[in-house]
């Protein structure tokens, strides 16, 4: 991934771990990750070094599409 600034292009590297916990049709999704700028000398933008997110995922394929496996 790269970010453009006024004078140059800076590269950053992102890594994350995603975990899903739950039952058949509803799952809680947790994600934790970090961001590393690859060129710290010319970096001229703000970035957050850590990320954390929580969400809920639901499966509605069988009810609406009549199939067991959608995608």
PDB file of N, CA and C in Angstrom:
ATOM      1  N   UNK A   1       0.839  -1.165   0.000  1.00  0.00           N
ATOM      2  CA  UNK A   1       0.000   0.000   0.000  1.00  0.00           C
ATOM      3  C   UNK A   1       0.885   1.229   0.000  1.00  0.00           C
ATOM      4  N   UNK A   2       0.460   2.272  -0.698  1.00  0.00           N
ATOM      5  CA  UNK A   2       1.225   3.502  -0.695  1.00  0.00           C
ATOM      6  C   UNK A   2       0.306   4.688  -0.452  1.00  0.00           C
ATOM      7  N   UNK A   3       0.868   5.744   0.075  1.00  0.00           N
ATOM      8  CA  UNK A   3       0.142   6.985   0.314  1.00  0.00           C
ATOM      9  C   UNK A   3       0.875   8.108  -0.384  1.00  0.00           C
ATOM     10  N   UNK A   4       0.144   8.943  -1.089  1.00  0.00           N
ATOM     11  CA  UNK A   4       0.748  10.061  -1.802  1.00  0.00           C
ATOM     12  C   UNK A   4       0.683  11.320  -0.948  1.00  0.00           C
ATOM     13  N   UNK A   5       1.750  12.049  -0.916  1.00  0.00           N
ATOM     14  CA  UNK A   5       1.778  13.340  -0.255  1.00  0.00           C
ATOM     15  C   UNK A   5       2.075  14.402  -1.306  1.00  0.00           C
ATOM     16  N   UNK A   6       2.283  15.614  -0.890  1.00  0.00           N
ATOM     17  CA  UNK A   6       2.510  16.708  -1.835  1.00  0.00           C
ATOM     18  C   UNK A   6       3.782  16.508  -2.657  1.00  0.00           C
ATOM     19  N   UNK A   7       4.836  16.055  -2.010  1.00  0.00           N
ATOM     20  CA  UNK A   7       6.133  16.004  -2.678  1.00  0.00           C
ATOM     21  C   UNK A   7       6.610  14.614  -3.062  1.00  0.00           C
ATOM     22  N   UNK A   8       6.084  13.579  -2.423  1.00  0.00           N
ATOM     23  CA  UNK A   8       6.610  12.248  -2.702  1.00  0.00           C
ATOM     24  C   UNK A   8       5.549  11.189  -2.425  1.00  0.00           C
ATOM     25  N   UNK A   9       5.910   9.954  -2.630  1.00  0.00           N
ATOM     26  CA  UNK A   9       5.055   8.805  -2.348  1.00  0.00           C
ATOM     27  C   UNK A   9       5.707   7.997  -1.235  1.00  0.00           C
ATOM     28  N   UNK A  10       4.956   7.723  -0.188  1.00  0.00           N
ATOM     29  CA  UNK A  10       5.482   6.958   0.937  1.00  0.00           C
ATOM     30  C   UNK A  10       4.806   5.597   0.986  1.00  0.00           C
ATOM     31  N   UNK A  11       5.557   4.577   1.350  1.00  0.00           N
ATOM     32  CA  UNK A  11       5.034   3.227   1.437  1.00  0.00           C
ATOM     33  C   UNK A  11       4.860   2.834   2.900  1.00  0.00           C
ATOM     34  N   UNK A  12       3.762   2.127   3.171  1.00  0.00           N
ATOM     35  CA  UNK A  12       3.520   1.591   4.498  1.00  0.00           C
ATOM     36  C   UNK A  12       3.164   0.120   4.364  1.00  0.00           C
ATOM     37  N   UNK A  13       3.388  -0.632   5.427  1.00  0.00           N
ATOM     38  CA  UNK A  13       3.085  -2.061   5.451  1.00  0.00           C
ATOM     39  C   UNK A  13       2.088  -2.311   6.567  1.00  0.00           C
ATOM     40  N   UNK A  14       1.004  -3.010   6.258  1.00  0.00           N
ATOM     41  CA  UNK A  14      -0.019  -3.317   7.257  1.00  0.00           C
ATOM     42  C   UNK A  14      -0.135  -4.822   7.427  1.00  0.00           C
ATOM     43  N   UNK A  15      -0.252  -5.248   8.673  1.00  0.00           N
ATOM     44  CA  UNK A  15      -0.466  -6.648   9.013  1.00  0.00           C
ATOM     45  C   UNK A  15      -1.567  -6.707  10.052  1.00  0.00           C
ATOM     46  N   UNK A  16      -2.434  -7.736   9.945  1.00  0.00           N
ATOM     47  CA  UNK A  16      -3.544  -7.862  10.891  1.00  0.00           C
ATOM     48  C   UNK A  16      -3.864  -9.328  11.130  1.00  0.00           C
ATOM     49  N   UNK A  17      -4.426  -9.599  12.299  1.00  0.00           N
ATOM     50  CA  UNK A  17      -4.925 -10.925  12.660  1.00  0.00           C
ATOM     51  C   UNK A  17      -6.426 -10.802  12.846  1.00  0.00           C
ATOM     52  N   UNK A  18      -7.183 -11.679  12.186  1.00  0.00           N
ATOM     53  CA  UNK A  18      -8.642 -11.662  12.275  1.00  0.00           C
ATOM     54  C   UNK A  18      -9.112 -12.975  12.873  1.00  0.00           C
ATOM     55  N   UNK A  19     -10.030 -12.896  13.843  1.00  0.00           N
ATOM     56  CA  UNK A  19     -10.594 -14.071  14.500  1.00  0.00           C
ATOM     57  C   UNK A  19     -12.108 -13.981  14.461  1.00  0.00           C
ATOM     58  N   UNK A  20     -12.755 -15.120  14.166  1.00  0.00           N
ATOM     59  CA  UNK A  20     -14.212 -15.197  14.172  1.00  0.00           C
ATOM     60  C   UNK A  20     -14.636 -16.255  15.183  1.00  0.00           C
ATOM     61  N   UNK A  21     -15.560 -15.867  16.067  1.00  0.00           N
ATOM     62  CA  UNK A  21     -16.078 -16.776  17.077  1.00  0.00           C
ATOM     63  C   UNK A  21     -17.597 -16.749  17.021  1.00  0.00           C
ATOM     64  N   UNK A  22     -18.208 -17.927  17.128  1.00  0.00           N
ATOM     65  CA  UNK A  22     -19.662 -17.953  17.155  1.00  0.00           C
ATOM     66  C   UNK A  22     -20.215 -19.289  16.717  1.00  0.00           C
ATOM     67  N   UNK A  23     -21.497 -19.262  16.349  1.00  0.00           N
ATOM     68  CA  UNK A  23     -22.214 -20.449  15.932  1.00  0.00           C
ATOM     69  C   UNK A  23     -22.447 -20.384  14.428  1.00  0.00           C
ATOM     70  N   UNK A  24     -23.235 -21.291  13.874  1.00  0.00           N
ATOM     71  CA  UNK A  24     -23.425 -21.435  12.433  1.00  0.00           C
ATOM     72  C   UNK A  24     -23.716 -20.133  11.692  1.00  0.00           C
ATOM     73  N   UNK A  25     -24.716 -19.389  12.139  1.00  0.00           N
ATOM     74  CA  UNK A  25     -25.215 -18.276  11.342  1.00  0.00           C
ATOM     75  C   UNK A  25     -24.799 -16.896  11.850  1.00  0.00           C
ATOM     76  N   UNK A  26     -24.293 -16.786  13.062  1.00  0.00           N
ATOM     77  CA  UNK A  26     -23.879 -15.497  13.608  1.00  0.00           C
ATOM     78  C   UNK A  26     -22.498 -15.652  14.247  1.00  0.00           C
ATOM     79  N   UNK A  27     -21.595 -14.745  13.887  1.00  0.00           N
ATOM     80  CA  UNK A  27     -20.232 -14.797  14.424  1.00  0.00           C
ATOM     81  C   UNK A  27     -19.794 -13.398  14.851  1.00  0.00           C
ATOM     82  N   UNK A  28     -19.020 -13.330  15.916  1.00  0.00           N
ATOM     83  CA  UNK A  28     -18.358 -12.094  16.318  1.00  0.00           C
ATOM     84  C   UNK A  28     -16.987 -12.076  15.644  1.00  0.00           C
ATOM     85  N   UNK A  29     -16.624 -10.937  15.090  1.00  0.00           N
ATOM     86  CA  UNK A  29     -15.366 -10.800  14.363  1.00  0.00           C
ATOM     87  C   UNK A  29     -14.482  -9.805  15.105  1.00  0.00           C
ATOM     88  N   UNK A  30     -13.239 -10.206  15.398  1.00  0.00           N
ATOM     89  CA  UNK A  30     -12.261  -9.358  16.074  1.00  0.00           C
ATOM     90  C   UNK A  30     -11.036  -9.225  15.178  1.00  0.00           C
ATOM     91  N   UNK A  31     -10.488  -8.022  15.095  1.00  0.00           N
ATOM     92  CA  UNK A  31      -9.296  -7.808  14.278  1.00  0.00           C
ATOM     93  C   UNK A  31      -8.332  -6.890  15.023  1.00  0.00           C
ATOM     94  N   UNK A  32      -7.053  -7.282  15.025  1.00  0.00           N
ATOM     95  CA  UNK A  32      -5.991  -6.489  15.619  1.00  0.00           C
ATOM     96  C   UNK A  32      -4.835  -6.441  14.631  1.00  0.00           C
ATOM     97  N   UNK A  33      -4.242  -5.265  14.456  1.00  0.00           N
ATOM     98  CA  UNK A  33      -3.144  -5.158  13.508  1.00  0.00           C
ATOM     99  C   UNK A  33      -2.242  -3.981  13.801  1.00  0.00           C
ATOM    100  N   UNK A  34      -1.236  -3.816  12.945  1.00  0.00           N
ATOM    101  CA  UNK A  34      -0.298  -2.716  13.096  1.00  0.00           C
ATOM    102  C   UNK A  34       0.132  -2.204  11.732  1.00  0.00           C
ATOM    103  N   UNK A  35       0.642  -0.990  11.709  1.00  0.00           N
ATOM    104  CA  UNK A  35       1.095  -0.328  10.493  1.00  0.00           C
ATOM    105  C   UNK A  35       2.548   0.082  10.675  1.00  0.00           C
ATOM    106  N   UNK A  36       3.373  -0.220   9.683  1.00  0.00           N
ATOM    107  CA  UNK A  36       4.784   0.155   9.719  1.00  0.00           C
ATOM    108  C   UNK A  36       5.115   1.031   8.518  1.00  0.00           C
ATOM    109  N   UNK A  37       5.542   2.268   8.739  1.00  0.00           N
ATOM    110  CA  UNK A  37       6.017   3.069   7.598  1.00  0.00           C
ATOM    111  C   UNK A  37       7.375   2.530   7.146  1.00  0.00           C
ATOM    112  N   UNK A  38       7.574   2.406   5.850  1.00  0.00           N
ATOM    113  CA  UNK A  38       8.824   1.833   5.343  1.00  0.00           C
ATOM    114  C   UNK A  38       9.924   2.871   5.153  1.00  0.00           C
ATOM    115  N   UNK A  39       9.564   4.152   5.099  1.00  0.00           N
ATOM    116  CA  UNK A  39      10.561   5.206   4.965  1.00  0.00           C
ATOM    117  C   UNK A  39      10.239   6.293   5.980  1.00  0.00           C
ATOM    118  N   UNK A  40      10.775   6.184   7.182  1.00  0.00           N
ATOM    119  CA  UNK A  40      10.423   7.106   8.269  1.00  0.00           C
ATOM    120  C   UNK A  40      11.083   8.476   8.132  1.00  0.00           C
ATOM    121  N   UNK A  41      12.090   8.628   7.297  1.00  0.00           N
ATOM    122  CA  UNK A  41      12.775   9.916   7.167  1.00  0.00           C
ATOM    123  C   UNK A  41      11.942  10.945   6.393  1.00  0.00           C
ATOM    124  N   UNK A  42      11.173  10.503   5.416  1.00  0.00           N
ATOM    125  CA  UNK A  42      10.411  11.447   4.587  1.00  0.00           C
ATOM    126  C   UNK A  42       8.911  11.403   4.861  1.00  0.00           C
ATOM    127  N   UNK A  43       8.484  10.745   5.911  1.00  0.00           N
ATOM    128  CA  UNK A  43       7.055  10.612   6.184  1.00  0.00           C
ATOM    129  C   UNK A  43       6.495  11.972   6.609  1.00  0.00           C
ATOM    130  N   UNK A  44       5.439  12.432   5.919  1.00  0.00           N
ATOM    131  CA  UNK A  44       4.852  13.730   6.254  1.00  0.00           C
ATOM    132  C   UNK A  44       3.321  13.639   6.343  1.00  0.00           C
ATOM    133  N   UNK A  45       2.824  12.526   6.871  1.00  0.00           N
ATOM    134  CA  UNK A  45       1.394  12.353   7.092  1.00  0.00           C
ATOM    135  C   UNK A  45       1.193  11.636   8.421  1.00  0.00           C
ATOM    136  N   UNK A  46       0.002  11.812   8.977  1.00  0.00           N
ATOM    137  CA  UNK A  46      -0.326  11.137  10.235  1.00  0.00           C
ATOM    138  C   UNK A  46      -0.840   9.737   9.951  1.00  0.00           C
ATOM    139  N   UNK A  47      -0.484   8.799  10.779  1.00  0.00           N
ATOM    140  CA  UNK A  47      -0.986   7.427  10.679  1.00  0.00           C
ATOM    141  C   UNK A  47      -1.120   6.864  12.083  1.00  0.00           C
ATOM    142  N   UNK A  48      -1.966   5.883  12.221  1.00  0.00           N
ATOM    143  CA  UNK A  48      -2.167   5.205  13.500  1.00  0.00           C
ATOM    144  C   UNK A  48      -1.372   3.906  13.481  1.00  0.00           C
ATOM    145  N   UNK A  49      -0.466   3.684  14.438  1.00  0.00           N
ATOM    146  CA  UNK A  49       0.378   2.493  14.398  1.00  0.00           C
ATOM    147  C   UNK A  49      -0.364   1.190  14.733  1.00  0.00           C
ATOM    148  N   UNK A  50      -1.494   1.269  15.441  1.00  0.00           N
ATOM    149  CA  UNK A  50      -2.237   0.066  15.811  1.00  0.00           C
ATOM    150  C   UNK A  50      -3.696   0.195  15.385  1.00  0.00           C
ATOM    151  N   UNK A  51      -4.322  -0.944  15.095  1.00  0.00           N
ATOM    152  CA  UNK A  51      -5.748  -0.944  14.773  1.00  0.00           C
ATOM    153  C   UNK A  51      -6.432  -2.069  15.529  1.00  0.00           C
ATOM    154  N   UNK A  52      -7.689  -1.830  15.896  1.00  0.00           N
ATOM    155  CA  UNK A  52      -8.499  -2.824  16.577  1.00  0.00           C
ATOM    156  C   UNK A  52      -9.935  -2.613  16.144  1.00  0.00           C
ATOM    157  N   UNK A  53     -10.620  -3.697  15.770  1.00  0.00           N
ATOM    158  CA  UNK A  53     -12.018  -3.570  15.367  1.00  0.00           C
ATOM    159  C   UNK A  53     -12.807  -4.776  15.845  1.00  0.00           C
ATOM    160  N   UNK A  54     -14.106  -4.544  16.069  1.00  0.00           N
ATOM    161  CA  UNK A  54     -15.042  -5.572  16.504  1.00  0.00           C
ATOM    162  C   UNK A  54     -16.267  -5.471  15.606  1.00  0.00           C
ATOM    163  N   UNK A  55     -16.816  -6.626  15.223  1.00  0.00           N
ATOM    164  CA  UNK A  55     -18.011  -6.622  14.387  1.00  0.00           C
ATOM    165  C   UNK A  55     -18.827  -7.891  14.554  1.00  0.00           C
ATOM    166  N   UNK A  56     -19.973  -7.901  13.915  1.00  0.00           N
ATOM    167  CA  UNK A  56     -20.855  -9.067  13.910  1.00  0.00           C
ATOM    168  C   UNK A  56     -21.104  -9.464  12.458  1.00  0.00           C
ATOM    169  N   UNK A  57     -20.997 -10.755  12.189  1.00  0.00           N
ATOM    170  CA  UNK A  57     -21.203 -11.283  10.845  1.00  0.00           C
ATOM    171  C   UNK A  57     -22.358 -12.265  10.876  1.00  0.00           C
ATOM    172  N   UNK A  58     -23.288 -12.109   9.951  1.00  0.00           N
ATOM    173  CA  UNK A  58     -24.429 -13.017   9.881  1.00  0.00           C
ATOM    174  C   UNK A  58     -24.519 -13.690   8.527  1.00  0.00           C
ATOM    175  N   UNK A  59     -24.991 -14.911   8.495  1.00  0.00           N
ATOM    176  CA  UNK A  59     -25.146 -15.675   7.261  1.00  0.00           C
ATOM    177  C   UNK A  59     -26.636 -15.817   6.971  1.00  0.00           C
ATOM    178  N   UNK A  60     -27.088 -15.278   5.830  1.00  0.00           N
ATOM    179  CA  UNK A  60     -28.506 -15.332   5.479  1.00  0.00           C
ATOM    180  C   UNK A  60     -28.723 -16.076   4.166  1.00  0.00           C
ATOM    181  N   UNK A  61     -27.699 -16.732   3.645  1.00  0.00           N
ATOM    182  CA  UNK A  61     -27.759 -17.378   2.341  1.00  0.00           C
ATOM    183  C   UNK A  61     -28.815 -18.462   2.218  1.00  0.00           C
ATOM    184  N   UNK A  62     -28.945 -19.330   3.192  1.00  0.00           N
ATOM    185  CA  UNK A  62     -29.878 -20.450   3.100  1.00  0.00           C
ATOM    186  C   UNK A  62     -31.329 -19.962   3.103  1.00  0.00           C
ATOM    187  N   UNK A  63     -31.639 -18.976   3.911  1.00  0.00           N
ATOM    188  CA  UNK A  63     -32.999 -18.474   4.013  1.00  0.00           C
ATOM    189  C   UNK A  63     -33.429 -17.739   2.742  1.00  0.00           C
ATOM    190  N   UNK A  64     -32.556 -16.901   2.182  1.00  0.00           N
ATOM    191  CA  UNK A  64     -32.928 -16.079   1.044  1.00  0.00           C
ATOM    192  C   UNK A  64     -32.622 -16.727  -0.305  1.00  0.00           C
ATOM    193  N   UNK A  65     -31.620 -17.591  -0.374  1.00  0.00           N
ATOM    194  CA  UNK A  65     -31.220 -18.158  -1.648  1.00  0.00           C
ATOM    195  C   UNK A  65     -31.524 -19.638  -1.779  1.00  0.00           C
ATOM    196  N   UNK A  66     -31.874 -20.298  -0.698  1.00  0.00           N
ATOM    197  CA  UNK A  66     -32.239 -21.706  -0.739  1.00  0.00           C
ATOM    198  C   UNK A  66     -31.071 -22.646  -0.974  1.00  0.00           C
ATOM    199  N   UNK A  67     -29.883 -22.205  -0.751  1.00  0.00           N
ATOM    200  CA  UNK A  67     -28.688 -23.033  -0.956  1.00  0.00           C
ATOM    201  C   UNK A  67     -27.923 -23.154   0.352  1.00  0.00           C
ATOM    202  N   UNK A  68     -27.164 -24.238   0.494  1.00  0.00           N
ATOM    203  CA  UNK A  68     -26.341 -24.404   1.689  1.00  0.00           C
ATOM    204  C   UNK A  68     -25.090 -23.551   1.616  1.00  0.00           C
ATOM    205  N   UNK A  69     -24.380 -23.583   0.489  1.00  0.00           N
ATOM    206  CA  UNK A  69     -23.126 -22.858   0.363  1.00  0.00           C
ATOM    207  C   UNK A  69     -23.248 -21.757  -0.680  1.00  0.00           C
ATOM    208  N   UNK A  70     -23.217 -20.532  -0.219  1.00  0.00           N
ATOM    209  CA  UNK A  70     -23.191 -19.393  -1.112  1.00  0.00           C
ATOM    210  C   UNK A  70     -21.806 -18.793  -1.018  1.00  0.00           C
ATOM    211  N   UNK A  71     -21.089 -18.803  -2.140  1.00  0.00           N
ATOM    212  CA  UNK A  71     -19.691 -18.354  -2.208  1.00  0.00           C
ATOM    213  C   UNK A  71     -18.909 -19.246  -1.318  1.00  0.00           C
TER     214      UNK A  71
END
